Amino acid sequence: MRPLYIRRFSAWAPGVEGEAQWKEWAAGTREISGTGENPALDFLPPLFYRRLSQLTRMTIKTVHGLMPLGEETKLVFVSLRGEIAAQYRINKSLIEEGEIKPALFSLSVFNTPPAQTSIALGLKAGYTALYPACFREGLLAAAAPVLAGGAERVALAYADETCPPEYGGLDPAPSPPLAFAALLGAEPEGRALPLSAGGGDLDPGPLESPENFIRYCLGAEKPCVR
């Protein structure tokens, strides 16, 4: 197995942006807000993102933080909940009105975030949308082409948006909304962080949850958070 590095990294969550605020979050002195706050996408015309969900906007924001990406770099999008707010509106309409309005399907499908990100940022190498049972499975699936030698680098994007309040009583409670993007590669670059040294297993710590992955990046001597 080839080595695997986090070559670049970008993260965003409601109430947490930039390296200093993420360090406060990791230290327990700042919380992620469970709101529908959206990141600023001032690098795009407003008409492009006017109807996009929090999930898709966070994905665009964090992948933009990795730019520029090579023409051969594919995007792998991982989410545990997907467009849950849009799906909730569809379910609510079906229960209360006995039908689904066609307009509700717009931008509600699983591949909406990576598709809109590819359009917004001009990515042409293609994308994959994964909805695994746990974060570990999604990260390993995204890293597999690099580890196996099929690709030199892969752009991984993870995002989960704010759950509708009607889901607040679920056990376990939904994790907070957050997003990050990481450029994974077989060769180190700049302040790259190793996930494996090659020929052995990946470091298990960052694999366990999105939060652990972010904490791993923040724990480096020179964090690569953008």
Protein backbone atom coordinates (compact mmCIF):
# COMPACT_ATOMS: atom_id res chain seq x y z
CA MET A 1 0.00 0.00 0.00
CA ARG A 2 1.32 3.42 -0.95
CA PRO A 3 1.62 6.22 1.62
CA LEU A 4 -1.25 8.67 1.98
CA TYR A 5 -0.99 12.36 2.84
CA ILE A 6 -3.40 15.18 3.50
CA ARG A 7 -1.84 17.76 1.21
CA ARG A 8 -4.34 20.59 1.64
CA PHE A 9 -7.33 21.08 3.91
CA SER A 10 -10.26 23.48 4.24
CA ALA A 11 -13.10 23.50 6.79
CA TRP A 12 -16.25 25.49 7.53
CA ALA A 13 -19.15 25.23 9.97
CA PRO A 14 -21.79 27.67 11.23
CA GLY A 15 -20.00 29.86 13.74
CA VAL A 16 -16.55 28.42 13.01
CA GLU A 17 -14.33 29.65 10.19
CA GLY A 18 -10.58 29.99 9.80
CA GLU A 19 -7.71 28.37 11.66
CA ALA A 20 -8.01 30.40 14.87
CA GLN A 21 -11.71 29.65 15.37
CA TRP A 22 -11.26 25.96 14.55
CA LYS A 23 -8.54 25.77 17.20
CA GLU A 24 -10.96 27.31 19.70
CA TRP A 25 -13.50 24.65 18.72
CA ALA A 26 -10.94 21.89 19.20
CA ALA A 27 -10.08 23.31 22.63
CA GLY A 28 -13.75 23.31 23.61
CA THR A 29 -14.07 27.10 23.85
CA ARG A 30 -16.20 27.57 20.71
CA GLU A 31 -19.23 25.59 19.56
CA ILE A 32 -20.59 24.88 16.13
CA SER A 33 -23.95 26.58 15.78
CA GLY A 34 -26.81 24.27 14.84
CA THR A 35 -28.34 26.87 12.58
CA GLY A 36 -28.98 27.25 8.89
CA GLU A 37 -26.20 29.83 8.51
CA ASN A 38 -24.53 29.68 5.11
CA PRO A 39 -20.91 30.40 4.16
CA ALA A 40 -20.11 33.42 2.03
CA LEU A 41 -19.63 32.49 -1.62
CA ASP A 42 -18.49 35.89 -2.82
CA PHE A 43 -16.36 34.28 -5.52
CA LEU A 44 -19.58 33.30 -7.35
CA PRO A 45 -22.45 35.37 -8.80
CA PRO A 46 -25.39 35.40 -6.32
CA LEU A 47 -27.82 34.03 -8.89
CA PHE A 48 -25.78 30.82 -9.04
CA TYR A 49 -26.17 29.88 -5.37
CA ARG A 50 -29.47 31.61 -4.52
CA ARG A 51 -31.45 28.34 -4.37
CA LEU A 52 -28.68 26.06 -3.11
CA SER A 53 -28.93 24.32 0.26
CA GLN A 54 -26.63 24.83 3.21
CA LEU A 55 -25.10 21.42 2.40
CA THR A 56 -24.21 22.36 -1.16
CA ARG A 57 -22.95 25.81 -0.23
CA MET A 58 -20.66 24.37 2.45
CA THR A 59 -19.32 21.85 -0.07
CA ILE A 60 -18.55 24.56 -2.62
CA LYS A 61 -16.93 26.72 0.06
CA THR A 62 -14.56 24.06 1.36
CA VAL A 63 -13.57 22.63 -2.04
CA HIS A 64 -12.85 26.19 -3.19
CA GLY A 65 -10.36 26.33 -0.31
CA LEU A 66 -8.32 23.58 -2.02
CA MET A 67 -8.03 25.35 -5.34
CA PRO A 68 -6.29 25.08 -7.67
CA LEU A 69 -6.82 21.40 -8.38
CA GLY A 70 -5.19 19.55 -11.24
CA GLU A 71 -7.28 18.63 -14.27
CA GLU A 72 -7.00 14.93 -13.41
CA THR A 73 -8.09 15.33 -9.78
CA LYS A 74 -11.47 13.71 -9.19
CA LEU A 75 -13.85 14.85 -6.47
CA VAL A 76 -15.27 12.34 -3.98
CA PHE A 77 -18.18 13.65 -1.91
CA VAL A 78 -19.10 11.92 1.36
CA SER A 79 -22.16 12.66 3.48
CA LEU A 80 -24.03 10.74 6.17
CA ARG A 81 -27.33 12.65 5.84
CA GLY A 82 -27.26 14.28 2.40
CA GLU A 83 -29.87 16.86 1.41
CA ILE A 84 -31.88 16.11 4.53
CA ALA A 85 -33.78 19.41 4.63
CA ALA A 86 -34.95 18.96 1.03
CA GLN A 87 -35.86 15.34 1.70
CA TYR A 88 -37.83 16.41 4.77
CA ARG A 89 -39.87 18.86 2.70
CA ILE A 90 -40.67 16.08 0.23
CA ASN A 91 -41.77 13.70 3.00
CA LYS A 92 -43.82 16.43 4.68
CA SER A 93 -45.62 17.20 1.44
CA LEU A 94 -46.36 13.53 0.85
CA ILE A 95 -47.77 13.05 4.37
CA GLU A 96 -49.79 16.27 4.61
CA GLU A 97 -50.94 16.73 1.02
CA GLY A 98 -50.83 13.19 -0.31
CA GLU A 99 -48.65 14.21 -3.24
CA ILE A 100 -45.20 15.49 -4.08
CA LYS A 101 -44.81 18.71 -5.98
CA PRO A 102 -42.29 18.34 -8.83
CA ALA A 103 -40.49 21.53 -7.78
CA LEU A 104 -39.52 19.90 -4.47
CA PHE A 105 -37.28 17.45 -6.35
CA SER A 106 -35.13 20.26 -7.66
CA LEU A 107 -31.62 20.10 -6.13
CA SER A 108 -32.71 17.38 -3.68
CA VAL A 109 -30.86 14.39 -5.13
CA PHE A 110 -27.78 12.72 -3.61
CA ASN A 111 -25.31 14.07 -6.16
CA THR A 112 -26.43 17.72 -5.96
CA PRO A 113 -23.46 18.95 -3.82
CA PRO A 114 -20.63 17.50 -5.95
CA ALA A 115 -22.42 18.32 -9.20
CA GLN A 116 -22.98 21.96 -8.27
CA THR A 117 -19.43 22.19 -6.90
CA SER A 118 -18.01 20.88 -10.17
CA ILE A 119 -20.02 23.46 -12.14
CA ALA A 120 -19.18 26.33 -9.79
CA LEU A 121 -15.44 25.67 -9.73
CA GLY A 122 -14.98 24.34 -13.27
CA LEU A 123 -13.90 20.84 -12.19
CA LYS A 124 -13.85 18.50 -15.19
CA ALA A 125 -12.35 15.22 -13.92
CA GLY A 126 -15.66 13.85 -12.62
CA TYR A 127 -17.03 13.10 -9.19
CA THR A 128 -18.43 10.35 -6.99
CA ALA A 129 -21.11 10.74 -4.30
CA LEU A 130 -20.88 8.32 -1.36
CA TYR A 131 -23.36 7.85 1.48
CA PRO A 132 -21.66 5.31 3.74
CA ALA A 133 -22.87 3.83 7.03
CA CYS A 134 -20.01 5.56 8.84
CA PHE A 135 -17.33 8.13 8.12
CA ARG A 136 -14.51 5.57 8.16
CA GLU A 137 -16.02 3.70 5.22
CA GLY A 138 -16.41 6.88 3.19
CA LEU A 139 -12.86 8.06 3.84
CA LEU A 140 -11.37 4.68 2.94
CA ALA A 141 -13.41 4.51 -0.27
CA ALA A 142 -12.23 8.00 -1.26
CA ALA A 143 -8.59 7.20 -0.48
CA ALA A 144 -8.60 3.80 -2.22
CA PRO A 145 -7.53 5.03 -5.70
CA VAL A 146 -4.48 6.79 -4.22
CA LEU A 147 -3.54 3.88 -1.97
CA ALA A 148 -3.88 1.38 -4.84
CA GLY A 149 -1.95 3.48 -7.35
CA GLY A 150 -4.89 4.31 -9.58
CA ALA A 151 -4.63 8.05 -8.92
CA GLU A 152 -1.97 10.43 -7.65
CA ARG A 153 -4.46 12.63 -5.81
CA VAL A 154 -8.14 12.77 -4.92
CA ALA A 155 -10.16 15.70 -3.58
CA LEU A 156 -12.30 14.50 -0.69
CA ALA A 157 -15.27 16.62 0.40
CA TYR A 158 -17.35 15.80 3.46
CA ALA A 159 -20.47 17.72 4.51
CA ASP A 160 -23.60 17.32 6.62
CA GLU A 161 -26.09 20.14 7.00
CA THR A 162 -28.32 21.21 9.86
CA CYS A 163 -31.10 18.72 10.58
CA PRO A 164 -34.68 20.00 10.58
CA PRO A 165 -35.79 20.54 14.22
CA GLU A 166 -38.37 17.76 13.80
CA TYR A 167 -35.44 15.31 13.88
CA GLY A 168 -34.01 16.76 17.09
CA GLY A 169 -35.38 13.96 19.27
CA LEU A 170 -33.52 11.20 17.48
CA ASP A 171 -31.25 8.96 19.54
CA PRO A 172 -28.40 9.43 19.02
CA ALA A 173 -28.93 13.10 18.24
CA PRO A 174 -27.71 14.25 14.81
CA SER A 175 -24.14 15.51 14.74
CA PRO A 176 -23.67 19.26 14.17
CA PRO A 177 -23.48 20.71 10.65
CA LEU A 178 -19.95 21.00 9.30
CA ALA A 179 -17.95 20.54 6.14
CA PHE A 180 -14.36 20.03 5.12
CA ALA A 181 -12.38 19.26 2.00
CA ALA A 182 -9.00 17.57 1.82
CA LEU A 183 -6.63 16.95 -1.05
CA LEU A 184 -5.32 13.41 -0.56
CA GLY A 185 -2.14 12.38 -2.35
CA ALA A 186 0.64 9.82 -2.42
CA GLU A 187 3.36 12.47 -2.23
CA PRO A 188 3.83 15.13 0.47
CA GLU A 189 3.43 18.79 -0.40
CA GLY A 190 4.07 21.82 1.80
CA ARG A 191 2.60 21.19 5.25
CA ALA A 192 1.25 17.77 4.29
CA LEU A 193 0.11 15.45 7.08
CA PRO A 194 0.65 11.68 6.85
CA LEU A 195 -2.32 9.33 7.21
CA SER A 196 -0.07 6.34 6.62
CA ALA A 197 3.61 5.72 6.04
CA GLY A 198 2.98 3.13 3.34
CA GLY A 199 3.03 -0.62 3.61
CA GLY A 200 0.80 -0.59 6.68
CA ASP A 201 -2.55 0.42 8.08
CA LEU A 202 -3.84 3.96 8.09
CA ASP A 203 -3.70 5.95 11.32
CA PRO A 204 -7.03 4.96 12.93
CA GLY A 205 -7.60 8.22 14.83
CA PRO A 206 -8.65 10.51 11.95
CA LEU A 207 -10.82 7.77 10.44
CA GLU A 208 -13.34 7.52 13.24
CA SER A 209 -15.39 10.67 12.63
CA PRO A 210 -15.37 13.95 10.69
CA GLU A 211 -14.63 15.75 13.95
CA ASN A 212 -11.58 13.54 14.59
CA PHE A 213 -10.34 14.18 11.06
CA ILE A 214 -10.48 17.94 11.63
CA ARG A 215 -8.81 17.63 15.05
CA TYR A 216 -6.00 15.62 13.47
CA CYS A 217 -5.32 18.41 11.00
CA LEU A 218 -5.45 21.03 13.75
CA GLY A 219 -3.06 19.04 15.92
CA ALA A 220 -0.21 19.35 13.46
CA GLU A 221 2.69 21.61 14.34
CA LYS A 222 1.74 23.76 11.37
CA PRO A 223 -1.97 23.15 10.70
CA CYS A 224 -3.00 23.10 7.05
CA VAL A 225 -6.48 24.56 7.69
CA ARG A 226 -7.51 27.25 5.23
